[in-house]
Amino acid sequence: MNPNDIIKSYGRLNPHYVNGIHKTIKAALEEHPRTFAIRVDLRLPAYDVVAATDAGVISRFIDSLKAKIAADLHRKQKKGIRVHPCTLRYIWVREFDKKENKKHYHVFLLLNKDTYAFLGGYRQSEGNLSVLITQAWLSALRLTGLQYRRLPRIPQNPYYYLNAKTLDTDGIYPYLIARVYYMAKARSKISVDGERNFGCSQG
């Protein structure tokens, strides 16, 4: 299916969300001409698990991941490994599954490809992006324990490698936009509880 058909299948899109998506991707490419974009799904534990699932959980996740990336780069630098600056940018949307009516988050993370170009395995103890994402989400939920490390889920085909120099010719960007626009669809959002349904980097 081509990108336009994919976008049409979503139905009505929220123009505010669409604008935020484009601004965030543009800012990422302006700072990091080689940008690594990755889609992550952040799920909550079962209802009988005591966890911090309030409206601030997604902000805590972002703040925690930023701190863990900074610590990871500092640790590598102390070991004599060359590191590149890396500003984390993000786009997130809150949705609810039909079966349990439980919220979850779809997140796109945008990073410097010269710093992080692969996800790595979540079973490792440190040093890769998968571990940092898992640790940040569990920290946001105030959870500990290996049984929760699969709450962050990596969907199929989660990676997009963007190059500002070839953005108009390599064919990757339209498919990224089609994927991210899923987050801008009007359906499957709940507004009556007062929590935000969408967020993205400011600048």
Protein backbone atom coordinates (compact mmCIF):
# COMPACT_ATOMS: atom_id res chain seq x y z
CA MET A 1 0.00 0.00 0.00
CA ASN A 2 1.40 3.42 -0.89
CA PRO A 3 1.75 6.14 1.79
CA ASN A 4 -1.25 8.17 0.62
CA ASP A 5 -3.56 5.16 0.80
CA ILE A 6 -2.24 4.34 4.26
CA ILE A 7 -3.01 7.86 5.45
CA LYS A 8 -6.50 7.79 3.93
CA SER A 9 -7.28 4.59 5.83
CA TYR A 10 -6.92 6.47 9.13
CA GLY A 11 -9.93 8.68 8.48
CA ARG A 12 -10.01 12.20 9.87
CA LEU A 13 -6.72 13.56 11.21
CA ASN A 14 -6.30 16.14 13.95
CA PRO A 15 -4.60 19.15 12.28
CA HIS A 16 -2.98 20.23 15.56
CA TYR A 17 -1.33 16.84 15.88
CA VAL A 18 -0.22 16.87 12.23
CA ASN A 19 1.39 20.28 12.71
CA GLY A 20 3.23 19.10 15.82
CA ILE A 21 4.49 16.01 14.00
CA HIS A 22 6.01 18.02 11.17
CA LYS A 23 7.57 20.61 13.47
CA THR A 24 9.21 17.91 15.58
CA ILE A 25 10.66 15.99 12.63
CA LYS A 26 11.88 19.23 11.03
CA ALA A 27 13.64 20.29 14.25
CA ALA A 28 15.25 16.85 14.58
CA LEU A 29 16.66 16.95 11.05
CA GLU A 30 17.90 20.52 11.43
CA GLU A 31 20.00 19.54 14.44
CA HIS A 32 20.84 15.99 13.38
CA PRO A 33 20.87 15.69 9.55
CA ARG A 34 21.17 11.94 10.04
CA THR A 35 18.25 11.05 12.29
CA PHE A 36 17.23 7.66 13.68
CA ALA A 37 13.47 7.42 14.22
CA ILE A 38 12.03 4.51 16.16
CA ARG A 39 8.46 3.58 17.09
CA VAL A 40 7.83 2.18 20.57
CA ASP A 41 4.59 1.11 22.27
CA LEU A 42 4.43 1.70 26.02
CA ARG A 43 1.94 -0.48 27.86
CA LEU A 44 0.67 -0.47 31.42
CA PRO A 45 0.78 -3.44 33.79
CA ALA A 46 -2.30 -5.39 34.86
CA TYR A 47 -4.86 -3.50 36.92
CA ASP A 48 -3.92 -5.41 40.08
CA VAL A 49 -0.31 -4.19 39.91
CA VAL A 50 0.40 -1.07 41.96
CA ALA A 51 2.04 1.35 39.55
CA ALA A 52 2.18 5.09 38.88
CA THR A 53 -0.12 5.24 35.85
CA ASP A 54 -1.29 8.83 36.32
CA ALA A 55 -1.28 11.48 33.59
CA GLY A 56 2.34 12.38 34.35
CA VAL A 57 3.70 8.94 33.45
CA ILE A 58 4.59 9.86 29.86
CA SER A 59 6.42 13.03 30.95
CA ARG A 60 8.34 11.03 33.54
CA PHE A 61 9.29 8.55 30.82
CA ILE A 62 10.67 11.27 28.55
CA ASP A 63 12.58 12.96 31.38
CA SER A 64 14.00 9.64 32.54
CA LEU A 65 15.06 8.63 29.03
CA LYS A 66 16.81 11.97 28.48
CA ALA A 67 18.71 11.53 31.74
CA LYS A 68 19.66 7.94 30.91
CA ILE A 69 20.92 8.92 27.46
CA ALA A 70 23.06 11.67 28.99
CA ALA A 71 24.45 9.22 31.56
CA ASP A 72 25.09 6.60 28.87
CA LEU A 73 27.06 9.07 26.74
CA HIS A 74 29.01 10.29 29.77
CA ARG A 75 29.88 6.71 30.72
CA LYS A 76 31.08 5.93 27.19
CA GLN A 77 33.10 9.13 27.05
CA LYS A 78 34.87 8.22 30.30
CA LYS A 79 35.83 4.92 28.70
CA GLY A 80 37.47 6.79 25.84
CA ILE A 81 34.70 6.04 23.35
CA ARG A 82 33.94 8.85 20.92
CA VAL A 83 30.40 10.14 21.40
CA HIS A 84 28.24 12.55 19.43
CA PRO A 85 25.76 15.06 20.84
CA CYS A 86 22.24 13.67 20.91
CA THR A 87 19.08 15.63 21.55
CA LEU A 88 16.10 13.36 22.13
CA ARG A 89 12.92 14.48 20.41
CA TYR A 90 9.64 12.67 20.65
CA ILE A 91 6.04 12.40 19.48
CA TRP A 92 3.52 10.50 21.58
CA VAL A 93 -0.16 9.72 21.53
CA ARG A 94 -2.40 8.13 24.14
CA GLU A 95 -4.96 5.55 23.04
CA PHE A 96 -7.23 2.96 24.63
CA ASP A 97 -7.62 -0.69 23.71
CA LYS A 98 -11.14 -1.90 23.04
CA LYS A 99 -10.96 -5.04 25.19
CA GLU A 100 -9.93 -3.63 28.58
CA ASN A 101 -10.33 0.09 27.92
CA LYS A 102 -6.80 0.47 29.27
CA LYS A 103 -4.64 3.32 28.05
CA HIS A 104 -1.35 2.82 26.26
CA TYR A 105 1.06 5.10 24.46
CA HIS A 106 2.50 5.03 20.96
CA VAL A 107 5.78 6.93 20.84
CA PHE A 108 8.19 7.96 18.11
CA LEU A 109 11.68 8.74 19.36
CA LEU A 110 14.04 10.77 17.16
CA LEU A 111 17.77 10.67 17.89
CA ASN A 112 21.12 11.42 16.30
CA LYS A 113 21.92 8.42 14.08
CA ASP A 114 25.62 9.00 14.70
CA THR A 115 24.92 8.35 18.39
CA TYR A 116 22.30 5.58 18.27
CA ALA A 117 21.62 3.62 15.10
CA PHE A 118 20.34 0.33 16.54
CA LEU A 119 17.98 -0.73 19.29
CA GLY A 120 19.82 -3.69 20.81
CA GLY A 121 18.34 -6.38 23.04
CA TYR A 122 16.35 -5.64 26.17
CA ARG A 123 17.99 -8.58 27.98
CA GLN A 124 21.33 -6.78 28.20
CA SER A 125 22.12 -4.88 31.37
CA GLU A 126 23.28 -1.56 29.89
CA GLY A 127 24.68 0.27 26.91
CA ASN A 128 21.95 0.05 24.29
CA LEU A 129 18.81 1.94 23.45
CA SER A 130 16.42 -0.91 24.21
CA VAL A 131 17.69 -1.13 27.79
CA LEU A 132 17.47 2.64 28.26
CA ILE A 133 13.87 2.72 26.98
CA THR A 134 12.87 -0.19 29.22
CA GLN A 135 14.52 1.31 32.29
CA ALA A 136 12.95 4.71 31.63
CA TRP A 137 9.43 3.30 31.27
CA LEU A 138 9.68 1.18 34.42
CA SER A 139 11.08 4.19 36.27
CA ALA A 140 8.12 6.29 35.09
CA LEU A 141 5.73 3.61 36.34
CA ARG A 142 7.66 3.29 39.63
CA LEU A 143 8.10 -0.42 38.96
CA THR A 144 11.03 -2.74 39.54
CA GLY A 145 11.45 -6.35 38.58
CA LEU A 146 12.37 -8.28 35.47
CA GLN A 147 8.76 -9.43 35.01
CA TYR A 148 7.84 -5.93 33.80
CA ARG A 149 10.57 -5.41 31.23
CA ARG A 150 8.31 -6.40 28.34
CA LEU A 151 5.85 -3.58 28.98
CA PRO A 152 7.62 -1.52 26.31
CA ARG A 153 6.91 -3.25 23.00
CA ILE A 154 8.75 -2.79 19.73
CA PRO A 155 6.35 -3.29 16.79
CA GLN A 156 7.25 -4.66 13.37
CA ASN A 157 9.45 -2.48 11.16
CA PRO A 158 10.06 0.13 13.86
CA TYR A 159 13.10 1.90 12.36
CA TYR A 160 13.45 4.79 9.93
CA TYR A 161 16.81 6.24 8.96
CA LEU A 162 16.43 9.80 7.73
CA ASN A 163 19.08 11.76 5.87
CA ALA A 164 18.39 15.45 5.29
CA LYS A 165 20.43 15.39 2.07
CA THR A 166 18.37 12.63 0.46
CA LEU A 167 15.00 13.26 2.10
CA ASP A 168 13.27 14.08 -1.20
CA THR A 169 14.73 11.22 -3.19
CA ASP A 170 15.24 8.10 -1.07
CA GLY A 171 11.53 7.34 -0.59
CA ILE A 172 11.79 6.83 3.18
CA TYR A 173 10.17 10.05 4.38
CA PRO A 174 6.68 9.43 2.91
CA TYR A 175 6.49 6.06 4.67
CA LEU A 176 7.64 7.58 7.95
CA ILE A 177 4.94 10.26 7.67
CA ALA A 178 2.32 7.62 6.88
CA ARG A 179 3.41 5.70 9.99
CA VAL A 180 3.47 8.74 12.27
CA TYR A 181 0.13 10.05 10.99
CA TYR A 182 -1.45 7.02 12.63
CA MET A 183 -0.91 8.96 15.83
CA ALA A 184 -2.91 11.91 14.48
CA LYS A 185 -6.10 10.00 13.69
CA ALA A 186 -9.15 11.37 15.45
CA ARG A 187 -10.70 8.04 16.37
CA SER A 188 -9.66 5.95 19.42
CA LYS A 189 -9.09 9.06 21.54
CA ILE A 190 -10.87 9.85 24.83
CA SER A 191 -11.12 13.46 25.98
CA VAL A 192 -13.52 13.37 28.91
CA ASP A 193 -10.97 12.37 31.57
CA GLY A 194 -8.94 15.57 31.27
CA GLU A 195 -5.67 13.87 30.29
CA ARG A 196 -3.78 14.92 27.18
CA ASN A 197 -3.94 12.60 24.19
CA PHE A 198 -0.94 13.97 22.29
CA GLY A 199 2.43 15.51 22.97
CA CYS A 200 5.62 16.33 21.11
CA SER A 201 8.93 18.10 21.62
CA GLN A 202 8.82 21.87 21.83
CA GLY A 203 11.67 22.98 19.60
